Amino acid sequence: MNRPEEPFEASYSVPNAVRRRLNLSGKALTCSELEILRWASEGKTVWEISQIRATSEATVKFHLRNIYGKLQVNNRVQAMNEAARRGLC
C-alpha cells in the first residue's frame, strides 16, 4: 500500500495577466497614463476619456490596466487613493 513518494511537479503556471502586472510594479507612470488618471479622477468614463483624447476605448482600458499594475491596485477607486497618496494628482 505504500507507494514511493513522487516528486511534486508544479503544474500551475502564473497567468499572463498576473505576470504583466508584476512586471509593471514600481515603474513610473507615463504622460498618457497620468493624463488618463487625472481624467478618471474627475469622474470621466472610459468612453468620455476616449473622446477627449481621440483614441479608442480599448486604448484607454489598456492604459488603465497599466496604471493599476504600476500602482499595485485593482480598480479606479484604489488607483485614485494611491495616486493621491503619492501626490500624482
PDB file of N, CA and C in Angstrom:
ATOM      1  N   MET A   1       0.808  -1.182   0.000  1.00  0.00           N
ATOM      2  CA  MET A   1       0.000   0.000   0.000  1.00  0.00           C
ATOM      3  C   MET A   1       0.860   1.258   0.000  1.00  0.00           C
ATOM      4  N   ASN A   2       2.077   1.112   0.480  1.00  0.00           N
ATOM      5  CA  ASN A   2       2.948   2.283   0.458  1.00  0.00           C
ATOM      6  C   ASN A   2       3.573   2.436  -0.910  1.00  0.00           C
ATOM      7  N   ARG A   3       3.322   3.580  -1.515  1.00  0.00           N
ATOM      8  CA  ARG A   3       3.945   3.876  -2.797  1.00  0.00           C
ATOM      9  C   ARG A   3       5.110   4.814  -2.566  1.00  0.00           C
ATOM     10  N   PRO A   4       6.136   4.668  -3.364  1.00  0.00           N
ATOM     11  CA  PRO A   4       7.225   5.631  -3.219  1.00  0.00           C
ATOM     12  C   PRO A   4       6.713   7.034  -3.535  1.00  0.00           C
ATOM     13  N   GLU A   5       7.195   7.967  -2.761  1.00  0.00           N
ATOM     14  CA  GLU A   5       6.791   9.364  -2.958  1.00  0.00           C
ATOM     15  C   GLU A   5       7.287   9.857  -4.308  1.00  0.00           C
ATOM     16  N   GLU A   6       6.380  10.416  -5.071  1.00  0.00           N
ATOM     17  CA  GLU A   6       6.764  11.012  -6.339  1.00  0.00           C
ATOM     18  C   GLU A   6       7.077  12.481  -6.104  1.00  0.00           C
ATOM     19  N   PRO A   7       8.088  12.969  -6.775  1.00  0.00           N
ATOM     20  CA  PRO A   7       8.391  14.390  -6.598  1.00  0.00           C
ATOM     21  C   PRO A   7       7.215  15.243  -7.062  1.00  0.00           C
ATOM     22  N   PHE A   8       6.975  16.298  -6.317  1.00  0.00           N
ATOM     23  CA  PHE A   8       5.872  17.197  -6.636  1.00  0.00           C
ATOM     24  C   PHE A   8       6.242  18.031  -7.841  1.00  0.00           C
ATOM     25  N   GLU A   9       5.390  17.990  -8.850  1.00  0.00           N
ATOM     26  CA  GLU A   9       5.608  18.824 -10.020  1.00  0.00           C
ATOM     27  C   GLU A   9       4.570  19.925 -10.012  1.00  0.00           C
ATOM     28  N   ALA A  10       5.042  21.131 -10.076  1.00  0.00           N
ATOM     29  CA  ALA A  10       4.117  22.260 -10.110  1.00  0.00           C
ATOM     30  C   ALA A  10       3.493  22.342 -11.496  1.00  0.00           C
ATOM     31  N   SER A  11       2.224  22.018 -11.561  1.00  0.00           N
ATOM     32  CA  SER A  11       1.532  22.098 -12.839  1.00  0.00           C
ATOM     33  C   SER A  11       0.860  23.455 -12.999  1.00  0.00           C
ATOM     34  N   TYR A  12       1.023  24.293 -11.999  1.00  0.00           N
ATOM     35  CA  TYR A  12       0.413  25.614 -12.023  1.00  0.00           C
ATOM     36  C   TYR A  12       1.378  26.606 -12.653  1.00  0.00           C
ATOM     37  N   SER A  13       0.885  27.368 -13.598  1.00  0.00           N
ATOM     38  CA  SER A  13       1.714  28.424 -14.178  1.00  0.00           C
ATOM     39  C   SER A  13       1.049  29.765 -13.883  1.00  0.00           C
ATOM     40  N   VAL A  14       1.849  30.786 -13.797  1.00  0.00           N
ATOM     41  CA  VAL A  14       1.341  32.113 -13.481  1.00  0.00           C
ATOM     42  C   VAL A  14       0.603  32.656 -14.698  1.00  0.00           C
ATOM     43  N   PRO A  15      -0.647  33.094 -14.509  1.00  0.00           N
ATOM     44  CA  PRO A  15      -1.404  33.647 -15.640  1.00  0.00           C
ATOM     45  C   PRO A  15      -0.703  34.873 -16.223  1.00  0.00           C
ATOM     46  N   ASN A  16      -0.892  35.075 -17.517  1.00  0.00           N
ATOM     47  CA  ASN A  16      -0.249  36.200 -18.194  1.00  0.00           C
ATOM     48  C   ASN A  16      -0.611  37.540 -17.578  1.00  0.00           C
ATOM     49  N   ALA A  17      -1.858  37.722 -17.167  1.00  0.00           N
ATOM     50  CA  ALA A  17      -2.272  38.991 -16.570  1.00  0.00           C
ATOM     51  C   ALA A  17      -1.498  39.275 -15.289  1.00  0.00           C
ATOM     52  N   VAL A  18      -1.294  38.253 -14.486  1.00  0.00           N
ATOM     53  CA  VAL A  18      -0.537  38.412 -13.240  1.00  0.00           C
ATOM     54  C   VAL A  18       0.926  38.693 -13.565  1.00  0.00           C
ATOM     55  N   ARG A  19       1.457  37.985 -14.528  1.00  0.00           N
ATOM     56  CA  ARG A  19       2.854  38.187 -14.921  1.00  0.00           C
ATOM     57  C   ARG A  19       3.077  39.621 -15.417  1.00  0.00           C
ATOM     58  N   ARG A  20       2.157  40.132 -16.234  1.00  0.00           N
ATOM     59  CA  ARG A  20       2.274  41.513 -16.733  1.00  0.00           C
ATOM     60  C   ARG A  20       2.206  42.512 -15.589  1.00  0.00           C
ATOM     61  N   ARG A  21       1.291  42.277 -14.653  1.00  0.00           N
ATOM     62  CA  ARG A  21       1.136  43.195 -13.522  1.00  0.00           C
ATOM     63  C   ARG A  21       2.408  43.216 -12.674  1.00  0.00           C
ATOM     64  N   LEU A  22       3.013  42.067 -12.457  1.00  0.00           N
ATOM     65  CA  LEU A  22       4.243  42.014 -11.671  1.00  0.00           C
ATOM     66  C   LEU A  22       5.379  42.739 -12.379  1.00  0.00           C
ATOM     67  N   ASN A  23       5.402  42.659 -13.710  1.00  0.00           N
ATOM     68  CA  ASN A  23       6.443  43.350 -14.468  1.00  0.00           C
ATOM     69  C   ASN A  23       6.284  44.866 -14.412  1.00  0.00           C
ATOM     70  N   LEU A  24       5.068  45.355 -14.248  1.00  0.00           N
ATOM     71  CA  LEU A  24       4.803  46.794 -14.218  1.00  0.00           C
ATOM     72  C   LEU A  24       5.027  47.398 -12.835  1.00  0.00           C
ATOM     73  N   SER A  25       4.934  46.563 -11.826  1.00  0.00           N
ATOM     74  CA  SER A  25       5.003  47.037 -10.452  1.00  0.00           C
ATOM     75  C   SER A  25       6.218  47.927 -10.196  1.00  0.00           C
ATOM     76  N   GLY A  26       5.952  49.108  -9.655  1.00  0.00           N
ATOM     77  CA  GLY A  26       7.028  50.009  -9.271  1.00  0.00           C
ATOM     78  C   GLY A  26       7.546  50.919 -10.372  1.00  0.00           C
ATOM     79  N   LYS A  27       7.081  50.736 -11.598  1.00  0.00           N
ATOM     80  CA  LYS A  27       7.532  51.602 -12.692  1.00  0.00           C
ATOM     81  C   LYS A  27       6.780  52.924 -12.663  1.00  0.00           C
ATOM     82  N   ALA A  28       7.395  53.954 -13.216  1.00  0.00           N
ATOM     83  CA  ALA A  28       6.775  55.286 -13.251  1.00  0.00           C
ATOM     84  C   ALA A  28       5.660  55.330 -14.285  1.00  0.00           C
ATOM     85  N   LEU A  29       4.652  56.161 -14.009  1.00  0.00           N
ATOM     86  CA  LEU A  29       3.557  56.344 -14.957  1.00  0.00           C
ATOM     87  C   LEU A  29       4.013  57.227 -16.115  1.00  0.00           C
ATOM     88  N   THR A  30       3.546  56.903 -17.312  1.00  0.00           N
ATOM     89  CA  THR A  30       3.859  57.703 -18.492  1.00  0.00           C
ATOM     90  C   THR A  30       2.977  58.951 -18.508  1.00  0.00           C
ATOM     91  N   CYS A  31       3.288  59.877 -19.405  1.00  0.00           N
ATOM     92  CA  CYS A  31       2.463  61.093 -19.545  1.00  0.00           C
ATOM     93  C   CYS A  31       1.023  60.748 -19.898  1.00  0.00           C
ATOM     94  N   SER A  32       0.835  59.784 -20.799  1.00  0.00           N
ATOM     95  CA  SER A  32      -0.520  59.366 -21.188  1.00  0.00           C
ATOM     96  C   SER A  32      -1.268  58.770 -20.002  1.00  0.00           C
ATOM     97  N   GLU A  33      -0.585  57.944 -19.237  1.00  0.00           N
ATOM     98  CA  GLU A  33      -1.218  57.323 -18.070  1.00  0.00           C
ATOM     99  C   GLU A  33      -1.594  58.371 -17.031  1.00  0.00           C
ATOM    100  N   LEU A  34      -0.723  59.357 -16.826  1.00  0.00           N
ATOM    101  CA  LEU A  34      -1.037  60.425 -15.873  1.00  0.00           C
ATOM    102  C   LEU A  34      -2.248  61.227 -16.329  1.00  0.00           C
ATOM    103  N   GLU A  35      -2.323  61.512 -17.637  1.00  0.00           N
ATOM    104  CA  GLU A  35      -3.471  62.250 -18.161  1.00  0.00           C
ATOM    105  C   GLU A  35      -4.754  61.461 -17.962  1.00  0.00           C
ATOM    106  N   ILE A  36      -4.721  60.184 -18.290  1.00  0.00           N
ATOM    107  CA  ILE A  36      -5.910  59.335 -18.131  1.00  0.00           C
ATOM    108  C   ILE A  36      -6.290  59.226 -16.665  1.00  0.00           C
ATOM    109  N   LEU A  37      -5.315  59.109 -15.794  1.00  0.00           N
ATOM    110  CA  LEU A  37      -5.575  59.050 -14.361  1.00  0.00           C
ATOM    111  C   LEU A  37      -6.259  60.328 -13.878  1.00  0.00           C
ATOM    112  N   ARG A  38      -5.810  61.454 -14.373  1.00  0.00           N
ATOM    113  CA  ARG A  38      -6.424  62.733 -13.980  1.00  0.00           C
ATOM    114  C   ARG A  38      -7.868  62.839 -14.471  1.00  0.00           C
ATOM    115  N   TRP A  39      -8.115  62.421 -15.725  1.00  0.00           N
ATOM    116  CA  TRP A  39      -9.485  62.443 -16.230  1.00  0.00           C
ATOM    117  C   TRP A  39     -10.356  61.478 -15.431  1.00  0.00           C
ATOM    118  N   ALA A  40      -9.823  60.313 -15.122  1.00  0.00           N
ATOM    119  CA  ALA A  40     -10.588  59.333 -14.341  1.00  0.00           C
ATOM    120  C   ALA A  40     -10.887  59.866 -12.944  1.00  0.00           C
ATOM    121  N   SER A  41      -9.943  60.605 -12.374  1.00  0.00           N
ATOM    122  CA  SER A  41     -10.160  61.163 -11.027  1.00  0.00           C
ATOM    123  C   SER A  41     -11.248  62.229 -11.037  1.00  0.00           C
ATOM    124  N   GLU A  42     -11.520  62.798 -12.204  1.00  0.00           N
ATOM    125  CA  GLU A  42     -12.609  63.771 -12.338  1.00  0.00           C
ATOM    126  C   GLU A  42     -13.945  63.092 -12.631  1.00  0.00           C
ATOM    127  N   GLY A  43     -13.934  61.762 -12.642  1.00  0.00           N
ATOM    128  CA  GLY A  43     -15.172  61.006 -12.823  1.00  0.00           C
ATOM    129  C   GLY A  43     -15.528  60.686 -14.257  1.00  0.00           C
ATOM    130  N   LYS A  44     -14.617  60.927 -15.186  1.00  0.00           N
ATOM    131  CA  LYS A  44     -14.883  60.635 -16.595  1.00  0.00           C
ATOM    132  C   LYS A  44     -14.915  59.126 -16.824  1.00  0.00           C
ATOM    133  N   THR A  45     -15.806  58.690 -17.706  1.00  0.00           N
ATOM    134  CA  THR A  45     -15.896  57.281 -18.074  1.00  0.00           C
ATOM    135  C   THR A  45     -14.824  56.951 -19.117  1.00  0.00           C
ATOM    136  N   VAL A  46     -14.653  55.661 -19.385  1.00  0.00           N
ATOM    137  CA  VAL A  46     -13.707  55.235 -20.421  1.00  0.00           C
ATOM    138  C   VAL A  46     -14.093  55.866 -21.757  1.00  0.00           C
ATOM    139  N   TRP A  47     -15.393  55.866 -22.070  1.00  0.00           N
ATOM    140  CA  TRP A  47     -15.846  56.450 -23.330  1.00  0.00           C
ATOM    141  C   TRP A  47     -15.522  57.940 -23.391  1.00  0.00           C
ATOM    142  N   GLU A  48     -15.807  58.663 -22.303  1.00  0.00           N
ATOM    143  CA  GLU A  48     -15.538  60.107 -22.281  1.00  0.00           C
ATOM    144  C   GLU A  48     -14.042  60.398 -22.445  1.00  0.00           C
ATOM    145  N   ILE A  49     -13.221  59.627 -21.758  1.00  0.00           N
ATOM    146  CA  ILE A  49     -11.772  59.820 -21.876  1.00  0.00           C
ATOM    147  C   ILE A  49     -11.319  59.526 -23.304  1.00  0.00           C
ATOM    148  N   SER A  50     -11.891  58.492 -23.919  1.00  0.00           N
ATOM    149  CA  SER A  50     -11.513  58.165 -25.299  1.00  0.00           C
ATOM    150  C   SER A  50     -11.896  59.291 -26.250  1.00  0.00           C
ATOM    151  N   GLN A  51     -13.029  59.942 -25.998  1.00  0.00           N
ATOM    152  CA  GLN A  51     -13.451  61.067 -26.841  1.00  0.00           C
ATOM    153  C   GLN A  51     -12.538  62.274 -26.630  1.00  0.00           C
ATOM    154  N   ILE A  52     -12.199  62.562 -25.398  1.00  0.00           N
ATOM    155  CA  ILE A  52     -11.315  63.693 -25.072  1.00  0.00           C
ATOM    156  C   ILE A  52      -9.951  63.508 -25.722  1.00  0.00           C
ATOM    157  N   ARG A  53      -9.425  62.278 -25.652  1.00  0.00           N
ATOM    158  CA  ARG A  53      -8.078  62.008 -26.158  1.00  0.00           C
ATOM    159  C   ARG A  53      -8.073  61.580 -27.619  1.00  0.00           C
ATOM    160  N   ALA A  54      -9.221  61.443 -28.225  1.00  0.00           N
ATOM    161  CA  ALA A  54      -9.345  60.995 -29.617  1.00  0.00           C
ATOM    162  C   ALA A  54      -8.639  59.664 -29.841  1.00  0.00           C
ATOM    163  N   THR A  55      -8.900  58.728 -28.917  1.00  0.00           N
ATOM    164  CA  THR A  55      -8.373  57.369 -29.035  1.00  0.00           C
ATOM    165  C   THR A  55      -9.524  56.390 -28.839  1.00  0.00           C
ATOM    166  N   SER A  56      -9.241  55.138 -28.971  1.00  0.00           N
ATOM    167  CA  SER A  56     -10.282  54.128 -28.776  1.00  0.00           C
ATOM    168  C   SER A  56     -10.475  53.835 -27.289  1.00  0.00           C
ATOM    169  N   GLU A  57     -11.630  53.272 -26.976  1.00  0.00           N
ATOM    170  CA  GLU A  57     -11.900  52.857 -25.603  1.00  0.00           C
ATOM    171  C   GLU A  57     -10.910  51.775 -25.177  1.00  0.00           C
ATOM    172  N   ALA A  58     -10.533  50.919 -26.123  1.00  0.00           N
ATOM    173  CA  ALA A  58      -9.572  49.854 -25.825  1.00  0.00           C
ATOM    174  C   ALA A  58      -8.230  50.434 -25.385  1.00  0.00           C
ATOM    175  N   THR A  59      -7.821  51.534 -26.007  1.00  0.00           N
ATOM    176  CA  THR A  59      -6.558  52.176 -25.641  1.00  0.00           C
ATOM    177  C   THR A  59      -6.639  52.741 -24.225  1.00  0.00           C
ATOM    178  N   VAL A  60      -7.759  53.352 -23.891  1.00  0.00           N
ATOM    179  CA  VAL A  60      -7.941  53.896 -22.544  1.00  0.00           C
ATOM    180  C   VAL A  60      -7.912  52.758 -21.528  1.00  0.00           C
ATOM    181  N   LYS A  61      -8.602  51.658 -21.830  1.00  0.00           N
ATOM    182  CA  LYS A  61      -8.608  50.499 -20.924  1.00  0.00           C
ATOM    183  C   LYS A  61      -7.208  49.924 -20.771  1.00  0.00           C
ATOM    184  N   PHE A  62      -6.451  49.888 -21.852  1.00  0.00           N
ATOM    185  CA  PHE A  62      -5.055  49.416 -21.817  1.00  0.00           C
ATOM    186  C   PHE A  62      -4.248  50.263 -20.838  1.00  0.00           C
ATOM    187  N   HIS A  63      -4.373  51.579 -20.948  1.00  0.00           N
ATOM    188  CA  HIS A  63      -3.636  52.473 -20.055  1.00  0.00           C
ATOM    189  C   HIS A  63      -4.098  52.311 -18.607  1.00  0.00           C
ATOM    190  N   LEU A  64      -5.397  52.145 -18.401  1.00  0.00           N
ATOM    191  CA  LEU A  64      -5.906  51.954 -17.043  1.00  0.00           C
ATOM    192  C   LEU A  64      -5.345  50.678 -16.424  1.00  0.00           C
ATOM    193  N   ARG A  65      -5.289  49.590 -17.202  1.00  0.00           N
ATOM    194  CA  ARG A  65      -4.707  48.334 -16.682  1.00  0.00           C
ATOM    195  C   ARG A  65      -3.245  48.533 -16.305  1.00  0.00           C
ATOM    196  N   ASN A  66      -2.518  49.282 -17.135  1.00  0.00           N
ATOM    197  CA  ASN A  66      -1.118  49.568 -16.820  1.00  0.00           C
ATOM    198  C   ASN A  66      -0.997  50.414 -15.556  1.00  0.00           C
ATOM    199  N   ILE A  67      -1.880  51.379 -15.404  1.00  0.00           N
ATOM    200  CA  ILE A  67      -1.888  52.214 -14.200  1.00  0.00           C
ATOM    201  C   ILE A  67      -2.113  51.338 -12.971  1.00  0.00           C
ATOM    202  N   TYR A  68      -3.096  50.457 -13.047  1.00  0.00           N
ATOM    203  CA  TYR A  68      -3.391  49.574 -11.918  1.00  0.00           C
ATOM    204  C   TYR A  68      -2.170  48.717 -11.576  1.00  0.00           C
ATOM    205  N   GLY A  69      -1.512  48.201 -12.599  1.00  0.00           N
ATOM    206  CA  GLY A  69      -0.326  47.372 -12.359  1.00  0.00           C
ATOM    207  C   GLY A  69       0.813  48.162 -11.742  1.00  0.00           C
ATOM    208  N   LYS A  70       1.037  49.355 -12.242  1.00  0.00           N
ATOM    209  CA  LYS A  70       2.143  50.175 -11.738  1.00  0.00           C
ATOM    210  C   LYS A  70       1.893  50.656 -10.315  1.00  0.00           C
ATOM    211  N   LEU A  71       0.629  50.931  -9.995  1.00  0.00           N
ATOM    212  CA  LEU A  71       0.291  51.384  -8.645  1.00  0.00           C
ATOM    213  C   LEU A  71      -0.029  50.221  -7.709  1.00  0.00           C
ATOM    214  N   GLN A  72      -0.056  49.016  -8.246  1.00  0.00           N
ATOM    215  CA  GLN A  72      -0.366  47.788  -7.500  1.00  0.00           C
ATOM    216  C   GLN A  72      -1.745  47.864  -6.835  1.00  0.00           C
ATOM    217  N   VAL A  73      -2.745  48.209  -7.647  1.00  0.00           N
ATOM    218  CA  VAL A  73      -4.132  48.280  -7.192  1.00  0.00           C
ATOM    219  C   VAL A  73      -5.011  47.467  -8.135  1.00  0.00           C
ATOM    220  N   ASN A  74      -6.293  47.354  -7.789  1.00  0.00           N
ATOM    221  CA  ASN A  74      -7.201  46.521  -8.581  1.00  0.00           C
ATOM    222  C   ASN A  74      -8.321  47.284  -9.277  1.00  0.00           C
ATOM    223  N   ASN A  75      -8.536  48.538  -8.913  1.00  0.00           N
ATOM    224  CA  ASN A  75      -9.647  49.276  -9.518  1.00  0.00           C
ATOM    225  C   ASN A  75      -9.400  50.776  -9.458  1.00  0.00           C
ATOM    226  N   ARG A  76     -10.338  51.549 -10.031  1.00  0.00           N
ATOM    227  CA  ARG A  76     -10.191  53.005 -10.115  1.00  0.00           C
ATOM    228  C   ARG A  76     -10.132  53.682  -8.754  1.00  0.00           C
ATOM    229  N   VAL A  77     -10.999  53.257  -7.858  1.00  0.00           N
ATOM    230  CA  VAL A  77     -11.026  53.886  -6.535  1.00  0.00           C
ATOM    231  C   VAL A  77      -9.678  53.711  -5.847  1.00  0.00           C
ATOM    232  N   GLN A  78      -9.155  52.509  -5.881  1.00  0.00           N
ATOM    233  CA  GLN A  78      -7.848  52.261  -5.281  1.00  0.00           C
ATOM    234  C   GLN A  78      -6.763  53.057  -5.999  1.00  0.00           C
ATOM    235  N   ALA A  79      -6.869  53.151  -7.324  1.00  0.00           N
ATOM    236  CA  ALA A  79      -5.882  53.920  -8.099  1.00  0.00           C
ATOM    237  C   ALA A  79      -5.913  55.386  -7.702  1.00  0.00           C
ATOM    238  N   MET A  80      -7.106  55.961  -7.541  1.00  0.00           N
ATOM    239  CA  MET A  80      -7.227  57.368  -7.141  1.00  0.00           C
ATOM    240  C   MET A  80      -6.615  57.583  -5.755  1.00  0.00           C
ATOM    241  N   ASN A  81      -6.914  56.680  -4.830  1.00  0.00           N
ATOM    242  CA  ASN A  81      -6.371  56.796  -3.474  1.00  0.00           C
ATOM    243  C   ASN A  81      -4.852  56.694  -3.469  1.00  0.00           C
ATOM    244  N   GLU A  82      -4.326  55.739  -4.212  1.00  0.00           N
ATOM    245  CA  GLU A  82      -2.886  55.543  -4.266  1.00  0.00           C
ATOM    246  C   GLU A  82      -2.203  56.719  -4.961  1.00  0.00           C
ATOM    247  N   ALA A  83      -2.806  57.223  -6.019  1.00  0.00           N
ATOM    248  CA  ALA A  83      -2.245  58.377  -6.729  1.00  0.00           C
ATOM    249  C   ALA A  83      -2.236  59.604  -5.818  1.00  0.00           C
ATOM    250  N   ALA A  84      -3.300  59.800  -5.065  1.00  0.00           N
ATOM    251  CA  ALA A  84      -3.361  60.932  -4.129  1.00  0.00           C
ATOM    252  C   ALA A  84      -2.299  60.768  -3.041  1.00  0.00           C
ATOM    253  N   ARG A  85      -2.137  59.550  -2.557  1.00  0.00           N
ATOM    254  CA  ARG A  85      -1.135  59.283  -1.523  1.00  0.00           C
ATOM    255  C   ARG A  85       0.268  59.592  -2.029  1.00  0.00           C
ATOM    256  N   ARG A  86       0.509  59.282  -3.308  1.00  0.00           N
ATOM    257  CA  ARG A  86       1.827  59.526  -3.911  1.00  0.00           C
ATOM    258  C   ARG A  86       1.979  60.947  -4.460  1.00  0.00           C
ATOM    259  N   GLY A  87       0.892  61.724  -4.401  1.00  0.00           N
ATOM    260  CA  GLY A  87       0.941  63.096  -4.901  1.00  0.00           C
ATOM    261  C   GLY A  87       0.951  63.201  -6.418  1.00  0.00           C
ATOM    262  N   LEU A  88       0.365  62.227  -7.093  1.00  0.00           N
ATOM    263  CA  LEU A  88       0.340  62.210  -8.557  1.00  0.00           C
ATOM    264  C   LEU A  88      -0.788  63.036  -9.143  1.00  0.00           C
ATOM    265  N   CYS A  89      -1.868  63.201  -8.397  1.00  0.00           N
ATOM    266  CA  CYS A  89      -2.973  64.037  -8.892  1.00  0.00           C
ATOM    267  C   CYS A  89      -3.794  64.558  -7.746  1.00  0.00           C
TER     268      CYS A  89
END
